[in-house]
Amino acid sequence: MDYIPRLITGRLEQMADNAPVVIITGARQVGKSTLLEHTFGNICRL
């Protein structure tokens, strides 16, 4: 399955630059982990 780019990606990167911790919340199976993996690669541990 191909990754669908998210509109929130730019804002997430900006928030991560300004804060030591960013919390991503949401319902099950909506792509939270996939978003983090594609945005930050190996930087984050899931």
Protein backbone atom coordinates (compact mmCIF):
# COMPACT_ATOMS: atom_id res chain seq x y z
CA MET A 1 0.00 0.00 0.00
CA ASP A 2 1.33 3.44 -0.90
CA TYR A 3 1.83 6.14 1.72
CA ILE A 4 -0.62 9.04 1.53
CA PRO A 5 1.10 12.35 2.42
CA ARG A 6 -0.57 14.15 5.32
CA LEU A 7 -1.24 17.89 5.54
CA ILE A 8 -0.11 17.91 9.19
CA THR A 9 3.46 16.81 8.34
CA GLY A 10 4.88 20.34 8.05
CA ARG A 11 3.28 21.45 11.30
CA LEU A 12 4.52 18.31 13.05
CA GLU A 13 8.10 18.99 11.93
CA GLN A 14 7.81 22.60 13.11
CA MET A 15 6.50 21.53 16.51
CA ALA A 16 9.28 18.95 16.89
CA ASP A 17 11.89 21.65 16.21
CA ASN A 18 10.47 23.84 19.00
CA ALA A 19 9.67 21.28 21.70
CA PRO A 20 11.57 18.31 23.16
CA VAL A 21 8.40 16.16 23.16
CA VAL A 22 5.40 16.09 20.82
CA ILE A 23 2.42 13.85 21.57
CA ILE A 24 0.40 12.37 18.73
CA THR A 25 -3.05 11.11 19.76
CA GLY A 26 -5.99 9.72 17.87
CA ALA A 27 -8.22 6.77 17.27
CA ARG A 28 -6.89 3.31 16.49
CA GLN A 29 -5.63 2.56 12.99
CA VAL A 30 -5.66 6.11 11.62
CA GLY A 31 -1.95 6.25 10.71
CA LYS A 32 -0.22 7.81 13.74
CA SER A 33 2.75 5.43 13.67
CA THR A 34 2.99 5.55 9.89
CA LEU A 35 3.03 9.35 9.97
CA LEU A 36 5.88 9.34 12.49
CA GLU A 37 7.89 6.74 10.58
CA HIS A 38 7.63 8.67 7.31
CA THR A 39 8.24 12.07 8.91
CA PHE A 40 11.12 11.23 11.24
CA GLY A 41 12.42 7.86 10.04
CA ASN A 42 14.70 6.21 12.59
CA ILE A 43 14.69 9.16 15.00
CA CYS A 44 11.57 8.03 16.85
CA ARG A 45 11.09 4.73 18.65
CA LEU A 46 7.64 3.19 18.44
